[in-house]
């Protein structure tokens, strides 16, 4: 047995389909949380201010099934952010900029609590 401690954040969501409800959960290690926060900040500070000429999509993928990112939607002329807790299904939660920023704030709060321990 080892006395090593792993620090992580667990994200969980229920997805209601037409006939069933599925539960998805992922675990992000502390190092992944730190990198994800950096990636989200990069999106907010750099990409969201741009209007690209070519199709542009930015993705973050964890060692578990979690992924997050954004793509530029030419119909709305805006960036569309998303998170996903499953690579198996095309299950993405679309986030507006305020929700995207709130998600980053929650991750920062979780990171700070993990670092303090």
C-alpha atoms as a PDB file:
ATOM      1  CA  UNK A   1       0.000   0.000   0.000  1.00  0.00           C
ATOM      2  CA  UNK A   2       1.078   3.501  -0.721  1.00  0.00           C
ATOM      3  CA  UNK A   3       0.500   6.622   1.319  1.00  0.00           C
ATOM      4  CA  UNK A   4       0.595   8.831  -1.774  1.00  0.00           C
ATOM      5  CA  UNK A   5      -2.313  11.181  -2.140  1.00  0.00           C
ATOM      6  CA  UNK A   6      -3.840  12.156  -5.460  1.00  0.00           C
ATOM      7  CA  UNK A   7      -5.593  15.482  -5.714  1.00  0.00           C
ATOM      8  CA  UNK A   8      -8.354  15.693  -8.290  1.00  0.00           C
ATOM      9  CA  UNK A   9     -11.644  17.292  -9.276  1.00  0.00           C
ATOM     10  CA  UNK A  10     -14.655  15.166 -10.175  1.00  0.00           C
ATOM     11  CA  UNK A  11     -17.141  16.503 -12.717  1.00  0.00           C
ATOM     12  CA  UNK A  12     -20.490  14.794 -13.066  1.00  0.00           C
ATOM     13  CA  UNK A  13     -23.560  15.390 -15.195  1.00  0.00           C
ATOM     14  CA  UNK A  14     -26.877  13.744 -15.992  1.00  0.00           C
ATOM     15  CA  UNK A  15     -27.969  13.770 -19.612  1.00  0.00           C
ATOM     16  CA  UNK A  16     -31.628  13.202 -20.362  1.00  0.00           C
ATOM     17  CA  UNK A  17     -32.175  11.560 -23.722  1.00  0.00           C
ATOM     18  CA  UNK A  18     -35.511  10.837 -25.316  1.00  0.00           C
ATOM     19  CA  UNK A  19     -36.012   7.570 -23.421  1.00  0.00           C
ATOM     20  CA  UNK A  20     -33.188   7.317 -20.873  1.00  0.00           C
ATOM     21  CA  UNK A  21     -31.128   9.359 -18.461  1.00  0.00           C
ATOM     22  CA  UNK A  22     -27.376   8.803 -18.600  1.00  0.00           C
ATOM     23  CA  UNK A  23     -24.869   9.775 -15.938  1.00  0.00           C
ATOM     24  CA  UNK A  24     -21.390  10.879 -16.978  1.00  0.00           C
ATOM     25  CA  UNK A  25     -18.480  11.491 -14.612  1.00  0.00           C
ATOM     26  CA  UNK A  26     -14.818  12.309 -15.138  1.00  0.00           C
ATOM     27  CA  UNK A  27     -11.904  12.928 -12.807  1.00  0.00           C
ATOM     28  CA  UNK A  28      -9.329  15.614 -13.565  1.00  0.00           C
ATOM     29  CA  UNK A  29      -6.010  15.392 -11.742  1.00  0.00           C
ATOM     30  CA  UNK A  30      -4.648  18.611 -10.266  1.00  0.00           C
ATOM     31  CA  UNK A  31      -2.115  18.976 -13.093  1.00  0.00           C
ATOM     32  CA  UNK A  32      -4.929  18.652 -15.659  1.00  0.00           C
ATOM     33  CA  UNK A  33      -7.026  21.251 -13.816  1.00  0.00           C
ATOM     34  CA  UNK A  34      -4.103  23.703 -13.908  1.00  0.00           C
ATOM     35  CA  UNK A  35      -3.600  23.136 -17.655  1.00  0.00           C
ATOM     36  CA  UNK A  36      -7.330  23.360 -18.349  1.00  0.00           C
ATOM     37  CA  UNK A  37      -7.565  26.711 -16.559  1.00  0.00           C
ATOM     38  CA  UNK A  38      -4.636  28.009 -18.639  1.00  0.00           C
ATOM     39  CA  UNK A  39      -6.356  26.819 -21.804  1.00  0.00           C
ATOM     40  CA  UNK A  40      -9.664  28.425 -20.865  1.00  0.00           C
ATOM     41  CA  UNK A  41      -7.884  31.706 -20.107  1.00  0.00           C
ATOM     42  CA  UNK A  42      -6.123  31.536 -23.474  1.00  0.00           C
ATOM     43  CA  UNK A  43      -9.476  31.078 -25.189  1.00  0.00           C
ATOM     44  CA  UNK A  44     -11.035  34.013 -23.338  1.00  0.00           C
ATOM     45  CA  UNK A  45      -8.114  36.417 -23.707  1.00  0.00           C
ATOM     46  CA  UNK A  46      -6.918  35.567 -27.212  1.00  0.00           C
ATOM     47  CA  UNK A  47      -9.338  33.605 -29.366  1.00  0.00           C
ATOM     48  CA  UNK A  48     -12.661  35.122 -28.258  1.00  0.00           C
ATOM     49  CA  UNK A  49     -11.405  38.546 -29.369  1.00  0.00           C
ATOM     50  CA  UNK A  50     -10.697  37.275 -32.911  1.00  0.00           C
ATOM     51  CA  UNK A  51     -12.949  36.716 -35.900  1.00  0.00           C
ATOM     52  CA  UNK A  52     -11.048  34.084 -37.896  1.00  0.00           C
ATOM     53  CA  UNK A  53     -11.239  33.860 -41.669  1.00  0.00           C
ATOM     54  CA  UNK A  54     -10.965  30.047 -41.783  1.00  0.00           C
ATOM     55  CA  UNK A  55     -12.812  27.489 -39.684  1.00  0.00           C
ATOM     56  CA  UNK A  56     -11.171  27.469 -36.268  1.00  0.00           C
ATOM     57  CA  UNK A  57     -11.702  25.094 -33.361  1.00  0.00           C
ATOM     58  CA  UNK A  58      -9.670  24.836 -30.161  1.00  0.00           C
ATOM     59  CA  UNK A  59      -9.832  21.714 -27.961  1.00  0.00           C
ATOM     60  CA  UNK A  60      -8.556  20.512 -24.602  1.00  0.00           C
ATOM     61  CA  UNK A  61      -8.711  16.768 -23.894  1.00  0.00           C
ATOM     62  CA  UNK A  62      -7.947  15.175 -20.547  1.00  0.00           C
ATOM     63  CA  UNK A  63      -6.631  11.682 -19.812  1.00  0.00           C
ATOM     64  CA  UNK A  64     -10.195  10.783 -18.839  1.00  0.00           C
ATOM     65  CA  UNK A  65     -13.189  11.400 -21.102  1.00  0.00           C
ATOM     66  CA  UNK A  66     -13.369  15.152 -20.440  1.00  0.00           C
ATOM     67  CA  UNK A  67     -12.894  17.657 -23.234  1.00  0.00           C
ATOM     68  CA  UNK A  68     -13.567  21.356 -23.615  1.00  0.00           C
ATOM     69  CA  UNK A  69     -13.157  23.872 -26.346  1.00  0.00           C
ATOM     70  CA  UNK A  70     -14.713  26.371 -28.669  1.00  0.00           C
ATOM     71  CA  UNK A  71     -15.285  26.900 -32.364  1.00  0.00           C
ATOM     72  CA  UNK A  72     -16.078  29.994 -34.371  1.00  0.00           C
ATOM     73  CA  UNK A  73     -19.650  29.890 -35.659  1.00  0.00           C
ATOM     74  CA  UNK A  74     -19.917  31.828 -38.918  1.00  0.00           C
ATOM     75  CA  UNK A  75     -23.715  31.929 -38.783  1.00  0.00           C
ATOM     76  CA  UNK A  76     -23.792  33.817 -35.486  1.00  0.00           C
ATOM     77  CA  UNK A  77     -20.392  35.484 -35.993  1.00  0.00           C
ATOM     78  CA  UNK A  78     -19.427  34.408 -32.469  1.00  0.00           C
ATOM     79  CA  UNK A  79     -17.386  31.805 -30.660  1.00  0.00           C
ATOM     80  CA  UNK A  80     -19.320  28.817 -29.311  1.00  0.00           C
ATOM     81  CA  UNK A  81     -17.769  27.231 -26.232  1.00  0.00           C
ATOM     82  CA  UNK A  82     -18.541  23.686 -25.058  1.00  0.00           C
ATOM     83  CA  UNK A  83     -17.585  21.015 -22.551  1.00  0.00           C
ATOM     84  CA  UNK A  84     -18.061  17.265 -22.812  1.00  0.00           C
ATOM     85  CA  UNK A  85     -17.881  14.471 -20.239  1.00  0.00           C
ATOM     86  CA  UNK A  86     -17.925  11.633 -22.744  1.00  0.00           C
ATOM     87  CA  UNK A  87     -15.892  10.772 -25.822  1.00  0.00           C
ATOM     88  CA  UNK A  88     -18.082   7.781 -26.611  1.00  0.00           C
ATOM     89  CA  UNK A  89     -21.169   9.811 -27.501  1.00  0.00           C
ATOM     90  CA  UNK A  90     -21.343  13.171 -29.118  1.00  0.00           C
ATOM     91  CA  UNK A  91     -22.503  14.714 -25.840  1.00  0.00           C
ATOM     92  CA  UNK A  92     -21.538  18.357 -25.541  1.00  0.00           C
ATOM     93  CA  UNK A  93     -22.877  21.080 -23.304  1.00  0.00           C
ATOM     94  CA  UNK A  94     -22.836  24.402 -25.128  1.00  0.00           C
ATOM     95  CA  UNK A  95     -21.873  27.378 -22.984  1.00  0.00           C
ATOM     96  CA  UNK A  96     -22.305  31.072 -23.567  1.00  0.00           C
ATOM     97  CA  UNK A  97     -19.390  33.339 -22.608  1.00  0.00           C
ATOM     98  CA  UNK A  98     -20.745  33.998 -19.107  1.00  0.00           C
ATOM     99  CA  UNK A  99     -21.270  30.278 -18.412  1.00  0.00           C
ATOM    100  CA  UNK A 100     -17.810  29.537 -19.822  1.00  0.00           C
ATOM    101  CA  UNK A 101     -16.272  32.111 -17.485  1.00  0.00           C
ATOM    102  CA  UNK A 102     -18.271  30.761 -14.516  1.00  0.00           C
ATOM    103  CA  UNK A 103     -16.982  27.257 -15.288  1.00  0.00           C
ATOM    104  CA  UNK A 104     -13.404  28.598 -15.232  1.00  0.00           C
ATOM    105  CA  UNK A 105     -14.049  30.391 -11.915  1.00  0.00           C
ATOM    106  CA  UNK A 106     -15.353  27.146 -10.392  1.00  0.00           C
ATOM    107  CA  UNK A 107     -12.259  25.290 -11.587  1.00  0.00           C
ATOM    108  CA  UNK A 108     -10.020  27.992 -10.111  1.00  0.00           C
ATOM    109  CA  UNK A 109     -11.845  27.725  -6.794  1.00  0.00           C
ATOM    110  CA  UNK A 110     -11.466  23.933  -6.806  1.00  0.00           C
ATOM    111  CA  UNK A 111      -7.769  24.235  -7.689  1.00  0.00           C
ATOM    112  CA  UNK A 112      -7.193  26.684  -4.847  1.00  0.00           C
ATOM    113  CA  UNK A 113      -8.883  24.366  -2.362  1.00  0.00           C
ATOM    114  CA  UNK A 114      -6.767  21.431  -3.550  1.00  0.00           C
ATOM    115  CA  UNK A 115      -3.526  23.390  -3.295  1.00  0.00           C
ATOM    116  CA  UNK A 116      -4.309  24.567   0.260  1.00  0.00           C
ATOM    117  CA  UNK A 117      -4.725  21.008   1.575  1.00  0.00           C
END
